[in-house]
Amino acid sequence: PAEASTAWGAASVCGSGYWPLDQHSLGIST
């Protein structure tokens, strides 16, 4: 749930209509 909500949160920062497609961890950020 936490990762999924962050993925959707990051997509929402992009604007309306964006959905998560991929991700890569950098340790303290993704």
PDB file of all heavy atoms in Angstrom:
ATOM      1  N   PRO A   1       0.792  -1.221   0.000  1.00  0.00           N
ATOM      2  CA  PRO A   1       0.000   0.000   0.000  1.00  0.00           C
ATOM      3  C   PRO A   1       0.831   1.282   0.000  1.00  0.00           C
ATOM      4  O   PRO A   1       0.518   2.220  -0.695  1.00  0.00           O
ATOM      5  CB  PRO A   1      -0.832  -0.108   1.279  1.00  0.00           C
ATOM      6  CG  PRO A   1      -0.716  -1.500   1.745  1.00  0.00           C
ATOM      7  CD  PRO A   1       0.496  -2.095   1.113  1.00  0.00           C
ATOM      8  N   ALA A   2       1.914   1.337   0.784  1.00  0.00           N
ATOM      9  CA  ALA A   2       2.707   2.567   0.852  1.00  0.00           C
ATOM     10  C   ALA A   2       3.368   2.876  -0.483  1.00  0.00           C
ATOM     11  O   ALA A   2       3.335   4.008  -0.958  1.00  0.00           O
ATOM     12  CB  ALA A   2       3.754   2.456   1.949  1.00  0.00           C
ATOM     13  N   GLU A   3       3.986   1.858  -1.109  1.00  0.00           N
ATOM     14  CA  GLU A   3       4.641   2.072  -2.391  1.00  0.00           C
ATOM     15  C   GLU A   3       3.627   2.418  -3.470  1.00  0.00           C
ATOM     16  O   GLU A   3       3.875   3.268  -4.309  1.00  0.00           O
ATOM     17  CB  GLU A   3       5.433   0.834  -2.800  1.00  0.00           C
ATOM     18  CG  GLU A   3       6.665   0.601  -1.957  1.00  0.00           C
ATOM     19  CD  GLU A   3       7.384  -0.658  -2.348  1.00  0.00           C
ATOM     20  OE1 GLU A   3       7.494  -0.940  -3.549  1.00  0.00           O
ATOM     21  OE2 GLU A   3       7.833  -1.375  -1.440  1.00  0.00           O
ATOM     22  N   ALA A   4       2.495   1.744  -3.457  1.00  0.00           N
ATOM     23  CA  ALA A   4       1.467   2.004  -4.465  1.00  0.00           C
ATOM     24  C   ALA A   4       0.941   3.417  -4.329  1.00  0.00           C
ATOM     25  O   ALA A   4       0.764   4.121  -5.326  1.00  0.00           O
ATOM     26  CB  ALA A   4       0.335   0.990  -4.340  1.00  0.00           C
ATOM     27  N   SER A   5       0.703   3.872  -3.096  1.00  0.00           N
ATOM     28  CA  SER A   5       0.180   5.225  -2.927  1.00  0.00           C
ATOM     29  C   SER A   5       1.210   6.262  -3.334  1.00  0.00           C
ATOM     30  O   SER A   5       0.864   7.297  -3.893  1.00  0.00           O
ATOM     31  CB  SER A   5      -0.292   5.451  -1.491  1.00  0.00           C
ATOM     32  OG  SER A   5       0.788   5.356  -0.593  1.00  0.00           O
ATOM     33  N   THR A   6       2.511   6.009  -3.074  1.00  0.00           N
ATOM     34  CA  THR A   6       3.556   6.931  -3.513  1.00  0.00           C
ATOM     35  C   THR A   6       3.638   6.953  -5.029  1.00  0.00           C
ATOM     36  O   THR A   6       3.806   8.013  -5.632  1.00  0.00           O
ATOM     37  CB  THR A   6       4.913   6.559  -2.900  1.00  0.00           C
ATOM     38  OG1 THR A   6       4.783   6.518  -1.474  1.00  0.00           O
ATOM     39  CG2 THR A   6       5.974   7.565  -3.271  1.00  0.00           C
ATOM     40  N   ALA A   7       3.503   5.797  -5.678  1.00  0.00           N
ATOM     41  CA  ALA A   7       3.527   5.750  -7.137  1.00  0.00           C
ATOM     42  C   ALA A   7       2.384   6.581  -7.709  1.00  0.00           C
ATOM     43  O   ALA A   7       2.566   7.349  -8.652  1.00  0.00           O
ATOM     44  CB  ALA A   7       3.439   4.309  -7.628  1.00  0.00           C
ATOM     45  N   TRP A   8       1.206   6.427  -7.151  1.00  0.00           N
ATOM     46  CA  TRP A   8       0.062   7.220  -7.632  1.00  0.00           C
ATOM     47  C   TRP A   8       0.230   8.693  -7.265  1.00  0.00           C
ATOM     48  O   TRP A   8      -0.151   9.571  -8.035  1.00  0.00           O
ATOM     49  CB  TRP A   8      -1.254   6.662  -7.092  1.00  0.00           C
ATOM     50  CG  TRP A   8      -1.692   5.473  -7.883  1.00  0.00           C
ATOM     51  CD1 TRP A   8      -1.563   4.156  -7.526  1.00  0.00           C
ATOM     52  CD2 TRP A   8      -2.276   5.475  -9.193  1.00  0.00           C
ATOM     53  NE1 TRP A   8      -2.043   3.338  -8.530  1.00  0.00           N
ATOM     54  CE2 TRP A   8      -2.488   4.127  -9.566  1.00  0.00           C
ATOM     55  CE3 TRP A   8      -2.640   6.474 -10.086  1.00  0.00           C
ATOM     56  CZ2 TRP A   8      -3.047   3.759 -10.784  1.00  0.00           C
ATOM     57  CZ3 TRP A   8      -3.200   6.104 -11.299  1.00  0.00           C
ATOM     58  CH2 TRP A   8      -3.396   4.772 -11.632  1.00  0.00           C
ATOM     59  N   GLY A   9       0.845   8.976  -6.111  1.00  0.00           N
ATOM     60  CA  GLY A   9       1.117  10.364  -5.731  1.00  0.00           C
ATOM     61  C   GLY A   9       2.091  11.021  -6.696  1.00  0.00           C
ATOM     62  O   GLY A   9       1.899  12.154  -7.120  1.00  0.00           O
ATOM     63  N   ALA A  10       3.143  10.281  -7.048  1.00  0.00           N
ATOM     64  CA  ALA A  10       4.112  10.810  -8.009  1.00  0.00           C
ATOM     65  C   ALA A  10       3.446  11.036  -9.358  1.00  0.00           C
ATOM     66  O   ALA A  10       3.691  12.054 -10.015  1.00  0.00           O
ATOM     67  CB  ALA A  10       5.292   9.851  -8.143  1.00  0.00           C
ATOM     68  N   ALA A  11       2.595  10.110  -9.791  1.00  0.00           N
ATOM     69  CA  ALA A  11       1.892  10.273 -11.071  1.00  0.00           C
ATOM     70  C   ALA A  11       0.972  11.485 -11.017  1.00  0.00           C
ATOM     71  O   ALA A  11       0.862  12.230 -11.996  1.00  0.00           O
ATOM     72  CB  ALA A  11       1.102   9.010 -11.414  1.00  0.00           C
ATOM     73  N   SER A  12       0.322  11.727  -9.877  1.00  0.00           N
ATOM     74  CA  SER A  12      -0.596  12.865  -9.786  1.00  0.00           C
ATOM     75  C   SER A  12       0.153  14.194  -9.838  1.00  0.00           C
ATOM     76  O   SER A  12      -0.388  15.190 -10.299  1.00  0.00           O
ATOM     77  CB  SER A  12      -1.448  12.774  -8.521  1.00  0.00           C
ATOM     78  OG  SER A  12      -0.666  13.006  -7.371  1.00  0.00           O
ATOM     79  N   VAL A  13       1.427  14.215  -9.384  1.00  0.00           N
ATOM     80  CA  VAL A  13       2.245  15.422  -9.483  1.00  0.00           C
ATOM     81  C   VAL A  13       2.451  15.791 -10.954  1.00  0.00           C
ATOM     82  O   VAL A  13       2.575  16.959 -11.311  1.00  0.00           O
ATOM     83  CB  VAL A  13       3.595  15.215  -8.760  1.00  0.00           C
ATOM     84  CG1 VAL A  13       4.591  16.311  -9.090  1.00  0.00           C
ATOM     85  CG2 VAL A  13       3.378  15.132  -7.265  1.00  0.00           C
ATOM     86  N   CYS A  14       2.459  14.782 -11.820  1.00  0.00           N
ATOM     87  CA  CYS A  14       2.639  15.018 -13.254  1.00  0.00           C
ATOM     88  C   CYS A  14       1.449  15.751 -13.861  1.00  0.00           C
ATOM     89  O   CYS A  14       1.597  16.462 -14.842  1.00  0.00           O
ATOM     90  CB  CYS A  14       2.852  13.693 -13.980  1.00  0.00           C
ATOM     91  SG  CYS A  14       4.421  12.908 -13.563  1.00  0.00           S
ATOM     92  N   GLY A  15       0.271  15.564 -13.279  1.00  0.00           N
ATOM     93  CA  GLY A  15      -0.924  16.233 -13.777  1.00  0.00           C
ATOM     94  C   GLY A  15      -2.074  15.259 -13.948  1.00  0.00           C
ATOM     95  O   GLY A  15      -1.936  14.054 -13.723  1.00  0.00           O
ATOM     96  N   SER A  16      -3.167  15.783 -14.368  1.00  0.00           N
ATOM     97  CA  SER A  16      -4.377  14.986 -14.543  1.00  0.00           C
ATOM     98  C   SER A  16      -4.196  13.942 -15.644  1.00  0.00           C
ATOM     99  O   SER A  16      -3.642  14.225 -16.700  1.00  0.00           O
ATOM    100  CB  SER A  16      -5.532  15.920 -14.910  1.00  0.00           C
ATOM    101  OG  SER A  16      -6.702  15.183 -15.129  1.00  0.00           O
ATOM    102  N   GLY A  17      -4.656  12.730 -15.365  1.00  0.00           N
ATOM    103  CA  GLY A  17      -4.651  11.676 -16.375  1.00  0.00           C
ATOM    104  C   GLY A  17      -3.396  10.832 -16.437  1.00  0.00           C
ATOM    105  O   GLY A  17      -3.312   9.907 -17.231  1.00  0.00           O
ATOM    106  N   TYR A  18      -2.392  11.108 -15.605  1.00  0.00           N
ATOM    107  CA  TYR A  18      -1.173  10.285 -15.593  1.00  0.00           C
ATOM    108  C   TYR A  18      -1.369   9.074 -14.687  1.00  0.00           C
ATOM    109  O   TYR A  18      -2.056   9.153 -13.676  1.00  0.00           O
ATOM    110  CB  TYR A  18       0.030  11.088 -15.089  1.00  0.00           C
ATOM    111  CG  TYR A  18       0.624  11.992 -16.124  1.00  0.00           C
ATOM    112  CD1 TYR A  18       0.148  13.284 -16.301  1.00  0.00           C
ATOM    113  CD2 TYR A  18       1.660  11.559 -16.939  1.00  0.00           C
ATOM    114  CE1 TYR A  18       0.695  14.123 -17.255  1.00  0.00           C
ATOM    115  CE2 TYR A  18       2.214  12.391 -17.899  1.00  0.00           C
ATOM    116  CZ  TYR A  18       1.727  13.668 -18.047  1.00  0.00           C
ATOM    117  OH  TYR A  18       2.261  14.509 -18.996  1.00  0.00           O
ATOM    118  N   TRP A  19      -0.756   7.957 -15.066  1.00  0.00           N
ATOM    119  CA  TRP A  19      -0.780   6.761 -14.227  1.00  0.00           C
ATOM    120  C   TRP A  19       0.636   6.221 -14.108  1.00  0.00           C
ATOM    121  O   TRP A  19       1.463   6.428 -14.985  1.00  0.00           O
ATOM    122  CB  TRP A  19      -1.739   5.702 -14.771  1.00  0.00           C
ATOM    123  CG  TRP A  19      -1.354   5.144 -16.110  1.00  0.00           C
ATOM    124  CD1 TRP A  19      -0.490   4.116 -16.357  1.00  0.00           C
ATOM    125  CD2 TRP A  19      -1.784   5.598 -17.395  1.00  0.00           C
ATOM    126  NE1 TRP A  19      -0.382   3.891 -17.716  1.00  0.00           N
ATOM    127  CE2 TRP A  19      -1.164   4.798 -18.381  1.00  0.00           C
ATOM    128  CE3 TRP A  19      -2.659   6.609 -17.823  1.00  0.00           C
ATOM    129  CZ2 TRP A  19      -1.376   4.968 -19.735  1.00  0.00           C
ATOM    130  CZ3 TRP A  19      -2.868   6.780 -19.178  1.00  0.00           C
ATOM    131  CH2 TRP A  19      -2.227   5.965 -20.119  1.00  0.00           C
ATOM    132  N   PRO A  20       0.943   5.539 -12.985  1.00  0.00           N
ATOM    133  CA  PRO A  20       2.280   4.971 -12.794  1.00  0.00           C
ATOM    134  C   PRO A  20       2.587   3.936 -13.864  1.00  0.00           C
ATOM    135  O   PRO A  20       1.738   3.124 -14.219  1.00  0.00           O
ATOM    136  CB  PRO A  20       2.201   4.307 -11.422  1.00  0.00           C
ATOM    137  CG  PRO A  20       0.991   4.857 -10.774  1.00  0.00           C
ATOM    138  CD  PRO A  20       0.059   5.260 -11.867  1.00  0.00           C
ATOM    139  N   LEU A  21       3.818   3.970 -14.366  1.00  0.00           N
ATOM    140  CA  LEU A  21       4.232   3.041 -15.406  1.00  0.00           C
ATOM    141  C   LEU A  21       5.433   2.199 -14.979  1.00  0.00           C
ATOM    142  O   LEU A  21       5.506   1.025 -15.272  1.00  0.00           O
ATOM    143  CB  LEU A  21       4.553   3.822 -16.683  1.00  0.00           C
ATOM    144  CG  LEU A  21       4.766   3.058 -17.961  1.00  0.00           C
ATOM    145  CD1 LEU A  21       3.520   2.256 -18.334  1.00  0.00           C
ATOM    146  CD2 LEU A  21       5.103   4.029 -19.090  1.00  0.00           C
ATOM    147  N   ASP A  22       6.375   2.819 -14.254  1.00  0.00           N
ATOM    148  CA  ASP A  22       7.591   2.111 -13.875  1.00  0.00           C
ATOM    149  C   ASP A  22       8.231   2.860 -12.713  1.00  0.00           C
ATOM    150  O   ASP A  22       7.880   4.011 -12.435  1.00  0.00           O
ATOM    151  CB  ASP A  22       8.545   2.041 -15.066  1.00  0.00           C
ATOM    152  CG  ASP A  22       9.497   0.866 -15.017  1.00  0.00           C
ATOM    153  OD1 ASP A  22       9.645   0.253 -13.939  1.00  0.00           O
ATOM    154  OD2 ASP A  22      10.112   0.556 -16.055  1.00  0.00           O
ATOM    155  N   GLN A  23       9.183   2.215 -12.046  1.00  0.00           N
ATOM    156  CA  GLN A  23       9.894   2.867 -10.955  1.00  0.00           C
ATOM    157  C   GLN A  23      11.232   2.191 -10.726  1.00  0.00           C
ATOM    158  O   GLN A  23      11.431   1.046 -11.110  1.00  0.00           O
ATOM    159  CB  GLN A  23       9.063   2.852  -9.678  1.00  0.00           C
ATOM    160  CG  GLN A  23       8.816   1.468  -9.110  1.00  0.00           C
ATOM    161  CD  GLN A  23       7.822   1.505  -7.970  1.00  0.00           C
ATOM    162  OE1 GLN A  23       6.719   2.006  -8.124  1.00  0.00           O
ATOM    163  NE2 GLN A  23       8.224   0.977  -6.815  1.00  0.00           N
ATOM    164  N   HIS A  24      12.155   2.957 -10.099  1.00  0.00           N
ATOM    165  CA  HIS A  24      13.473   2.414  -9.769  1.00  0.00           C
ATOM    166  C   HIS A  24      13.938   3.061  -8.470  1.00  0.00           C
ATOM    167  O   HIS A  24      13.978   4.287  -8.352  1.00  0.00           O
ATOM    168  CB  HIS A  24      14.472   2.704 -10.891  1.00  0.00           C
ATOM    169  CG  HIS A  24      15.794   2.069 -10.656  1.00  0.00           C
ATOM    170  ND1 HIS A  24      16.067   0.763 -11.003  1.00  0.00           N
ATOM    171  CD2 HIS A  24      16.915   2.532 -10.057  1.00  0.00           C
ATOM    172  CE1 HIS A  24      17.300   0.461 -10.657  1.00  0.00           C
ATOM    173  NE2 HIS A  24      17.834   1.517 -10.080  1.00  0.00           N
ATOM    174  N   SER A  25      14.329   2.232  -7.493  1.00  0.00           N
ATOM    175  CA  SER A  25      14.781   2.729  -6.202  1.00  0.00           C
ATOM    176  C   SER A  25      16.223   3.216  -6.285  1.00  0.00           C
ATOM    177  O   SER A  25      17.072   2.576  -6.908  1.00  0.00           O
ATOM    178  CB  SER A  25      14.679   1.628  -5.153  1.00  0.00           C
ATOM    179  OG  SER A  25      15.232   2.088  -3.930  1.00  0.00           O
ATOM    180  N   LEU A  26      16.478   4.347  -5.613  1.00  0.00           N
ATOM    181  CA  LEU A  26      17.837   4.888  -5.497  1.00  0.00           C
ATOM    182  C   LEU A  26      18.309   4.852  -4.047  1.00  0.00           C
ATOM    183  O   LEU A  26      19.222   5.575  -3.673  1.00  0.00           O
ATOM    184  CB  LEU A  26      17.884   6.323  -6.023  1.00  0.00           C
ATOM    185  CG  LEU A  26      17.549   6.526  -7.483  1.00  0.00           C
ATOM    186  CD1 LEU A  26      17.581   8.000  -7.851  1.00  0.00           C
ATOM    187  CD2 LEU A  26      18.490   5.738  -8.369  1.00  0.00           C
ATOM    188  N   GLY A  27      17.673   4.046  -3.228  1.00  0.00           N
ATOM    189  CA  GLY A  27      18.033   3.970  -1.809  1.00  0.00           C
ATOM    190  C   GLY A  27      17.107   4.822  -0.973  1.00  0.00           C
ATOM    191  O   GLY A  27      16.127   4.327  -0.440  1.00  0.00           O
ATOM    192  N   ILE A  28      17.404   6.141  -0.881  1.00  0.00           N
ATOM    193  CA  ILE A  28      16.553   7.010  -0.068  1.00  0.00           C
ATOM    194  C   ILE A  28      15.497   7.744  -0.904  1.00  0.00           C
ATOM    195  O   ILE A  28      14.735   8.548  -0.371  1.00  0.00           O
ATOM    196  CB  ILE A  28      17.375   8.018   0.761  1.00  0.00           C
ATOM    197  CG1 ILE A  28      18.090   9.034  -0.129  1.00  0.00           C
ATOM    198  CG2 ILE A  28      18.351   7.293   1.664  1.00  0.00           C
ATOM    199  CD1 ILE A  28      18.680  10.199   0.640  1.00  0.00           C
ATOM    200  N   SER A  29      15.459   7.480  -2.189  1.00  0.00           N
ATOM    201  CA  SER A  29      14.411   8.038  -3.054  1.00  0.00           C
ATOM    202  C   SER A  29      14.070   7.006  -4.120  1.00  0.00           C
ATOM    203  O   SER A  29      14.796   6.029  -4.312  1.00  0.00           O
ATOM    204  CB  SER A  29      14.854   9.355  -3.703  1.00  0.00           C
ATOM    205  OG  SER A  29      15.819   9.124  -4.712  1.00  0.00           O
ATOM    206  N   THR A  30      12.962   7.252  -4.782  1.00  0.00           N
ATOM    207  CA  THR A  30      12.539   6.380  -5.881  1.00  0.00           C
ATOM    208  C   THR A  30      12.189   7.243  -7.075  1.00  0.00           C
ATOM    209  O   THR A  30      11.483   8.248  -6.931  1.00  0.00           O
ATOM    210  CB  THR A  30      11.323   5.525  -5.478  1.00  0.00           C
ATOM    211  OG1 THR A  30      11.680   4.736  -4.341  1.00  0.00           O
ATOM    212  CG2 THR A  30      10.896   4.605  -6.612  1.00  0.00           C
TER     213      THR A  30
END
